[in-house]
Amino acid sequence: MSTATLPQTAGDHLREYLALYGLPFTQDGSSITVPTDDGHHLVVTSRAGTIDHTPEQHTGWTVDRRHKHGGAFVNGRIYARGVLGASWFAGRDSGDAVRAIAFYINVRRPLAYGPLLPDHITEDCTGPNRRCKKAHRQGRTVHIRAERFADGSHLVLPTNHYATVEEARAAVDAARAKAVTITRDDELFRARRLRQPYRLLPGWTDPTSR
């Protein structure tokens, strides 16, 4: 009777999760590289610059975007976490890192997930905040709050106030189809400056709150 081989190194845990998610990869001595659909790459290594260290030596994986020609992206890190010396942590960290990679690849594809729940609409919104009150005075009495996408990401609109329910629903539908996915601070600032709808990934922290 055959028995499965248990992971012996932190890299074994990482490769096991990559195989589980069906993600192709290549490896050199200090990192693992996963190709993305746009021709660029995601590079995984530990904070110590190694892959096949023991679980007790694991300091946490980092995942960074790299151009197809090798250069690093500005604000290109999509995952980083680390706790020194906990042997159980290597497996959990590997799973979290690979899920971050799989999620990143999925949201960069032209695939718009719809919401799990209907959007919340208030037809005669008068508050409580000053934007609601101002919009009401301007005749934009309908307030719509877009539900999260099925993958947990959040849609942000230039405004949540509209003159009619039909206009509000149409604005949200259009935003879901064309919203840019935010992966860097400069993308966020540009979308806000241009008053464009945008999509925030689960776990995103606004720069003002870091």
C-alpha atoms as a PDB file:
ATOM      1  CA  MET A   1       0.000   0.000   0.000  1.00  0.00           C
ATOM      2  CA  SER A   2       1.414   3.359  -0.991  1.00  0.00           C
ATOM      3  CA  THR A   3       1.498   6.303   1.388  1.00  0.00           C
ATOM      4  CA  ALA A   4       1.599  10.001   0.560  1.00  0.00           C
ATOM      5  CA  THR A   5       4.863  11.818   1.170  1.00  0.00           C
ATOM      6  CA  LEU A   6       4.461  14.479   3.834  1.00  0.00           C
ATOM      7  CA  PRO A   7       5.939  17.938   3.220  1.00  0.00           C
ATOM      8  CA  GLN A   8       9.471  18.125   4.650  1.00  0.00           C
ATOM      9  CA  THR A   9      10.341  21.751   3.909  1.00  0.00           C
ATOM     10  CA  ALA A  10       8.462  25.043   3.677  1.00  0.00           C
ATOM     11  CA  GLY A  11       8.968  24.838  -0.093  1.00  0.00           C
ATOM     12  CA  ASP A  12       7.227  21.454  -0.125  1.00  0.00           C
ATOM     13  CA  HIS A  13       4.163  23.105   1.435  1.00  0.00           C
ATOM     14  CA  LEU A  14       4.264  25.875  -1.149  1.00  0.00           C
ATOM     15  CA  ARG A  15       4.607  23.513  -4.122  1.00  0.00           C
ATOM     16  CA  GLU A  16       1.814  21.337  -2.732  1.00  0.00           C
ATOM     17  CA  TYR A  17      -0.599  24.285  -2.695  1.00  0.00           C
ATOM     18  CA  LEU A  18       0.490  25.457  -6.150  1.00  0.00           C
ATOM     19  CA  ALA A  19      -0.299  21.984  -7.496  1.00  0.00           C
ATOM     20  CA  LEU A  20      -3.628  21.951  -5.647  1.00  0.00           C
ATOM     21  CA  TYR A  21      -4.658  25.214  -7.343  1.00  0.00           C
ATOM     22  CA  GLY A  22      -3.343  24.056 -10.720  1.00  0.00           C
ATOM     23  CA  LEU A  23      -0.811  26.878 -11.003  1.00  0.00           C
ATOM     24  CA  PRO A  24       2.254  26.259 -13.198  1.00  0.00           C
ATOM     25  CA  PHE A  25       5.596  27.415 -11.830  1.00  0.00           C
ATOM     26  CA  THR A  26       9.338  27.287 -12.266  1.00  0.00           C
ATOM     27  CA  GLN A  27      11.942  27.291  -9.519  1.00  0.00           C
ATOM     28  CA  ASP A  28      15.532  28.308  -9.005  1.00  0.00           C
ATOM     29  CA  GLY A  29      17.460  27.976  -5.761  1.00  0.00           C
ATOM     30  CA  SER A  30      15.950  30.996  -4.008  1.00  0.00           C
ATOM     31  CA  SER A  31      12.502  31.606  -5.504  1.00  0.00           C
ATOM     32  CA  ILE A  32       9.472  30.173  -7.287  1.00  0.00           C
ATOM     33  CA  THR A  33       8.031  31.992 -10.310  1.00  0.00           C
ATOM     34  CA  VAL A  34       4.380  31.786 -11.382  1.00  0.00           C
ATOM     35  CA  PRO A  35       3.435  33.187 -14.825  1.00  0.00           C
ATOM     36  CA  THR A  36       0.362  35.420 -15.144  1.00  0.00           C
ATOM     37  CA  ASP A  37      -2.025  35.875 -18.068  1.00  0.00           C
ATOM     38  CA  ASP A  38      -0.575  39.267 -19.054  1.00  0.00           C
ATOM     39  CA  GLY A  39       2.896  37.843 -19.704  1.00  0.00           C
ATOM     40  CA  HIS A  40       4.382  39.065 -16.439  1.00  0.00           C
ATOM     41  CA  HIS A  41       5.296  36.939 -13.395  1.00  0.00           C
ATOM     42  CA  LEU A  42       4.733  36.560  -9.672  1.00  0.00           C
ATOM     43  CA  VAL A  43       7.890  35.705  -7.725  1.00  0.00           C
ATOM     44  CA  VAL A  44       7.688  33.934  -4.367  1.00  0.00           C
ATOM     45  CA  THR A  45      10.536  33.783  -1.895  1.00  0.00           C
ATOM     46  CA  SER A  46      10.999  33.948   1.851  1.00  0.00           C
ATOM     47  CA  ARG A  47      12.172  36.950   3.813  1.00  0.00           C
ATOM     48  CA  ALA A  48      15.472  35.077   4.173  1.00  0.00           C
ATOM     49  CA  GLY A  49      15.732  34.595   0.393  1.00  0.00           C
ATOM     50  CA  THR A  50      15.287  30.815   0.468  1.00  0.00           C
ATOM     51  CA  ILE A  51      12.642  28.269  -0.502  1.00  0.00           C
ATOM     52  CA  ASP A  52      13.566  24.858   0.892  1.00  0.00           C
ATOM     53  CA  HIS A  53      14.279  25.732   4.518  1.00  0.00           C
ATOM     54  CA  THR A  54      12.760  23.776   7.394  1.00  0.00           C
ATOM     55  CA  PRO A  55       9.330  24.774   8.702  1.00  0.00           C
ATOM     56  CA  GLU A  56      10.980  25.937  11.942  1.00  0.00           C
ATOM     57  CA  GLN A  57      13.188  28.332   9.955  1.00  0.00           C
ATOM     58  CA  HIS A  58      10.290  29.812   7.988  1.00  0.00           C
ATOM     59  CA  THR A  59      10.126  33.614   8.229  1.00  0.00           C
ATOM     60  CA  GLY A  60       7.188  34.174   5.872  1.00  0.00           C
ATOM     61  CA  TRP A  61       6.624  34.230   2.115  1.00  0.00           C
ATOM     62  CA  THR A  62       6.605  37.363   0.005  1.00  0.00           C
ATOM     63  CA  VAL A  63       4.978  37.526  -3.441  1.00  0.00           C
ATOM     64  CA  ASP A  64       6.042  40.279  -5.833  1.00  0.00           C
ATOM     65  CA  ARG A  65       5.096  41.152  -9.413  1.00  0.00           C
ATOM     66  CA  ARG A  66       7.883  41.185 -11.974  1.00  0.00           C
ATOM     67  CA  HIS A  67       7.828  42.467 -15.547  1.00  0.00           C
ATOM     68  CA  LYS A  68       8.197  39.822 -18.231  1.00  0.00           C
ATOM     69  CA  HIS A  69      11.646  41.313 -18.899  1.00  0.00           C
ATOM     70  CA  GLY A  70      12.673  40.973 -15.259  1.00  0.00           C
ATOM     71  CA  GLY A  71      12.164  44.403 -13.675  1.00  0.00           C
ATOM     72  CA  ALA A  72      10.125  44.958 -10.530  1.00  0.00           C
ATOM     73  CA  PHE A  73       6.794  46.805 -10.454  1.00  0.00           C
ATOM     74  CA  VAL A  74       6.412  49.848  -8.234  1.00  0.00           C
ATOM     75  CA  ASN A  75       4.138  48.838  -5.324  1.00  0.00           C
ATOM     76  CA  GLY A  76       4.274  45.341  -6.795  1.00  0.00           C
ATOM     77  CA  ARG A  77       4.019  43.279  -3.616  1.00  0.00           C
ATOM     78  CA  ILE A  78       0.725  41.386  -3.404  1.00  0.00           C
ATOM     79  CA  TYR A  79       1.448  39.259  -0.325  1.00  0.00           C
ATOM     80  CA  ALA A  80       3.726  39.375   2.720  1.00  0.00           C
ATOM     81  CA  ARG A  81       3.367  37.836   6.126  1.00  0.00           C
ATOM     82  CA  GLY A  82       5.731  36.262   8.602  1.00  0.00           C
ATOM     83  CA  VAL A  83       6.096  34.801  12.087  1.00  0.00           C
ATOM     84  CA  LEU A  84       9.507  33.420  13.021  1.00  0.00           C
ATOM     85  CA  GLY A  85       9.928  29.996  14.556  1.00  0.00           C
ATOM     86  CA  ALA A  86       6.424  28.481  14.452  1.00  0.00           C
ATOM     87  CA  SER A  87       6.648  25.196  12.552  1.00  0.00           C
ATOM     88  CA  TRP A  88       2.895  25.090  11.856  1.00  0.00           C
ATOM     89  CA  PHE A  89       3.083  28.502  10.224  1.00  0.00           C
ATOM     90  CA  ALA A  90       4.847  27.314   7.059  1.00  0.00           C
ATOM     91  CA  GLY A  91       1.800  25.343   5.908  1.00  0.00           C
ATOM     92  CA  ARG A  92      -0.716  28.074   6.675  1.00  0.00           C
ATOM     93  CA  ASP A  93       1.470  30.775   5.150  1.00  0.00           C
ATOM     94  CA  SER A  94       1.932  28.678   1.995  1.00  0.00           C
ATOM     95  CA  GLY A  95      -1.811  28.239   1.606  1.00  0.00           C
ATOM     96  CA  ASP A  96      -2.474  31.948   2.120  1.00  0.00           C
ATOM     97  CA  ALA A  97       0.276  32.963  -0.317  1.00  0.00           C
ATOM     98  CA  VAL A  98      -0.997  30.642  -3.064  1.00  0.00           C
ATOM     99  CA  ARG A  99      -4.586  31.788  -2.549  1.00  0.00           C
ATOM    100  CA  ALA A 100      -3.367  35.378  -2.965  1.00  0.00           C
ATOM    101  CA  ILE A 101      -1.649  34.369  -6.224  1.00  0.00           C
ATOM    102  CA  ALA A 102      -4.728  32.544  -7.536  1.00  0.00           C
ATOM    103  CA  PHE A 103      -6.974  35.451  -6.609  1.00  0.00           C
ATOM    104  CA  TYR A 104      -4.671  37.982  -8.250  1.00  0.00           C
ATOM    105  CA  ILE A 105      -4.582  35.982 -11.483  1.00  0.00           C
ATOM    106  CA  ASN A 106      -8.372  35.628 -11.497  1.00  0.00           C
ATOM    107  CA  VAL A 107      -9.157  39.315 -10.974  1.00  0.00           C
ATOM    108  CA  ARG A 108      -6.731  40.324 -13.719  1.00  0.00           C
ATOM    109  CA  ARG A 109      -8.685  38.214 -16.201  1.00  0.00           C
ATOM    110  CA  PRO A 110     -11.643  39.857 -18.013  1.00  0.00           C
ATOM    111  CA  LEU A 111     -14.138  38.102 -15.751  1.00  0.00           C
ATOM    112  CA  ALA A 112     -16.655  40.171 -13.783  1.00  0.00           C
ATOM    113  CA  TYR A 113     -18.233  38.315 -10.878  1.00  0.00           C
ATOM    114  CA  GLY A 114     -21.731  39.453 -10.022  1.00  0.00           C
ATOM    115  CA  PRO A 115     -22.867  40.108  -6.454  1.00  0.00           C
ATOM    116  CA  LEU A 116     -24.213  37.379  -4.197  1.00  0.00           C
ATOM    117  CA  LEU A 117     -26.907  39.699  -2.797  1.00  0.00           C
ATOM    118  CA  PRO A 118     -29.032  42.452  -4.361  1.00  0.00           C
ATOM    119  CA  ASP A 119     -27.761  45.997  -4.099  1.00  0.00           C
ATOM    120  CA  HIS A 120     -29.250  48.013  -1.249  1.00  0.00           C
ATOM    121  CA  ILE A 121     -31.407  50.966  -2.369  1.00  0.00           C
ATOM    122  CA  THR A 122     -32.965  53.772  -0.326  1.00  0.00           C
ATOM    123  CA  GLU A 123     -35.423  55.684  -2.504  1.00  0.00           C
ATOM    124  CA  ASP A 124     -35.754  58.838  -0.371  1.00  0.00           C
ATOM    125  CA  CYS A 125     -32.399  59.238   1.327  1.00  0.00           C
ATOM    126  CA  THR A 126     -32.119  62.332   3.546  1.00  0.00           C
ATOM    127  CA  GLY A 127     -29.059  61.430   5.590  1.00  0.00           C
ATOM    128  CA  PRO A 128     -27.391  60.877   7.928  1.00  0.00           C
ATOM    129  CA  ASN A 129     -24.225  62.321   6.327  1.00  0.00           C
ATOM    130  CA  ARG A 130     -23.908  65.666   4.597  1.00  0.00           C
ATOM    131  CA  ARG A 131     -23.394  64.131   1.149  1.00  0.00           C
ATOM    132  CA  CYS A 132     -26.783  62.462   1.398  1.00  0.00           C
ATOM    133  CA  LYS A 133     -28.419  65.700   2.513  1.00  0.00           C
ATOM    134  CA  LYS A 134     -26.754  67.704  -0.264  1.00  0.00           C
ATOM    135  CA  ALA A 135     -27.760  65.160  -2.923  1.00  0.00           C
ATOM    136  CA  HIS A 136     -31.343  65.206  -1.631  1.00  0.00           C
ATOM    137  CA  ARG A 137     -31.494  68.978  -2.016  1.00  0.00           C
ATOM    138  CA  GLN A 138     -30.220  68.552  -5.597  1.00  0.00           C
ATOM    139  CA  GLY A 139     -32.955  66.082  -6.455  1.00  0.00           C
ATOM    140  CA  ARG A 140     -30.743  62.974  -6.328  1.00  0.00           C
ATOM    141  CA  THR A 141     -32.800  61.260  -3.664  1.00  0.00           C
ATOM    142  CA  VAL A 142     -31.986  57.615  -4.496  1.00  0.00           C
ATOM    143  CA  HIS A 143     -29.038  56.145  -2.568  1.00  0.00           C
ATOM    144  CA  ILE A 144     -27.583  52.848  -3.804  1.00  0.00           C
ATOM    145  CA  ARG A 145     -24.977  50.740  -2.021  1.00  0.00           C
ATOM    146  CA  ALA A 146     -23.410  48.170  -4.317  1.00  0.00           C
ATOM    147  CA  GLU A 147     -23.011  44.741  -2.771  1.00  0.00           C
ATOM    148  CA  ARG A 148     -19.606  43.059  -2.828  1.00  0.00           C
ATOM    149  CA  PHE A 149     -18.642  40.909  -5.768  1.00  0.00           C
ATOM    150  CA  ALA A 150     -18.971  37.154  -5.289  1.00  0.00           C
ATOM    151  CA  ASP A 151     -15.205  36.929  -4.800  1.00  0.00           C
ATOM    152  CA  GLY A 152     -15.355  39.388  -1.875  1.00  0.00           C
ATOM    153  CA  SER A 153     -14.034  42.453  -3.688  1.00  0.00           C
ATOM    154  CA  HIS A 154     -15.726  45.804  -3.174  1.00  0.00           C
ATOM    155  CA  LEU A 155     -17.101  48.175  -5.829  1.00  0.00           C
ATOM    156  CA  VAL A 156     -16.606  51.900  -5.198  1.00  0.00           C
ATOM    157  CA  LEU A 157     -18.693  54.388  -7.191  1.00  0.00           C
ATOM    158  CA  PRO A 158     -17.932  58.063  -7.890  1.00  0.00           C
ATOM    159  CA  THR A 159     -21.301  58.807  -6.266  1.00  0.00           C
ATOM    160  CA  ASN A 160     -23.983  56.756  -4.548  1.00  0.00           C
ATOM    161  CA  HIS A 161     -26.796  59.255  -5.235  1.00  0.00           C
ATOM    162  CA  TYR A 162     -29.060  59.314  -8.300  1.00  0.00           C
ATOM    163  CA  ALA A 163     -32.325  60.851  -9.430  1.00  0.00           C
ATOM    164  CA  THR A 164     -34.138  57.555 -10.081  1.00  0.00           C
ATOM    165  CA  VAL A 165     -33.857  53.896  -9.158  1.00  0.00           C
ATOM    166  CA  GLU A 166     -33.364  53.007 -12.823  1.00  0.00           C
ATOM    167  CA  GLU A 167     -30.465  55.457 -13.134  1.00  0.00           C
ATOM    168  CA  ALA A 168     -28.860  54.067  -9.967  1.00  0.00           C
ATOM    169  CA  ARG A 169     -29.111  50.453 -11.138  1.00  0.00           C
ATOM    170  CA  ALA A 170     -27.745  51.331 -14.573  1.00  0.00           C
ATOM    171  CA  ALA A 171     -24.789  53.162 -13.009  1.00  0.00           C
ATOM    172  CA  VAL A 172     -23.900  50.153 -10.850  1.00  0.00           C
ATOM    173  CA  ASP A 173     -24.232  47.711 -13.757  1.00  0.00           C
ATOM    174  CA  ALA A 174     -21.935  49.875 -15.894  1.00  0.00           C
ATOM    175  CA  ALA A 175     -19.451  50.225 -13.027  1.00  0.00           C
ATOM    176  CA  ARG A 176     -19.262  46.461 -12.515  1.00  0.00           C
ATOM    177  CA  ALA A 177     -18.437  45.996 -16.187  1.00  0.00           C
ATOM    178  CA  LYS A 178     -15.652  48.591 -16.416  1.00  0.00           C
ATOM    179  CA  ALA A 179     -14.317  49.206 -12.900  1.00  0.00           C
ATOM    180  CA  VAL A 180     -10.526  49.059 -12.680  1.00  0.00           C
ATOM    181  CA  THR A 181      -9.111  46.633 -10.092  1.00  0.00           C
ATOM    182  CA  ILE A 182      -6.865  48.494  -7.688  1.00  0.00           C
ATOM    183  CA  THR A 183      -3.539  46.826  -6.920  1.00  0.00           C
ATOM    184  CA  ARG A 184      -1.377  49.916  -6.283  1.00  0.00           C
ATOM    185  CA  ASP A 185      -1.810  53.247  -4.540  1.00  0.00           C
ATOM    186  CA  ASP A 186      -1.231  55.252  -7.725  1.00  0.00           C
ATOM    187  CA  GLU A 187      -4.099  53.400  -9.424  1.00  0.00           C
ATOM    188  CA  LEU A 188      -6.348  54.310  -6.498  1.00  0.00           C
ATOM    189  CA  PHE A 189      -5.393  57.983  -6.556  1.00  0.00           C
ATOM    190  CA  ARG A 190      -5.906  58.173 -10.337  1.00  0.00           C
ATOM    191  CA  ALA A 191      -9.376  56.565 -10.181  1.00  0.00           C
ATOM    192  CA  ARG A 192     -10.435  58.979  -7.451  1.00  0.00           C
ATOM    193  CA  ARG A 193      -9.050  61.989  -9.294  1.00  0.00           C
ATOM    194  CA  LEU A 194     -10.868  61.034 -12.503  1.00  0.00           C
ATOM    195  CA  ARG A 195     -14.030  60.021 -10.610  1.00  0.00           C
ATOM    196  CA  GLN A 196     -13.958  56.527 -12.071  1.00  0.00           C
ATOM    197  CA  PRO A 197     -15.527  53.435 -10.487  1.00  0.00           C
ATOM    198  CA  TYR A 198     -12.977  51.038  -9.041  1.00  0.00           C
ATOM    199  CA  ARG A 199     -12.732  47.669  -7.372  1.00  0.00           C
ATOM    200  CA  LEU A 200     -10.903  46.973  -4.095  1.00  0.00           C
ATOM    201  CA  LEU A 201      -9.568  43.504  -3.352  1.00  0.00           C
ATOM    202  CA  PRO A 202     -10.375  41.821  -0.031  1.00  0.00           C
ATOM    203  CA  GLY A 203      -7.940  42.984   2.633  1.00  0.00           C
ATOM    204  CA  TRP A 204      -7.056  46.257   0.888  1.00  0.00           C
ATOM    205  CA  THR A 205      -6.174  49.001   3.387  1.00  0.00           C
ATOM    206  CA  ASP A 206      -6.613  52.626   2.365  1.00  0.00           C
ATOM    207  CA  PRO A 207      -3.289  54.513   2.362  1.00  0.00           C
ATOM    208  CA  THR A 208      -4.647  56.983   4.939  1.00  0.00           C
ATOM    209  CA  SER A 209      -5.233  54.131   7.391  1.00  0.00           C
ATOM    210  CA  ARG A 210      -1.861  52.387   7.158  1.00  0.00           C
END
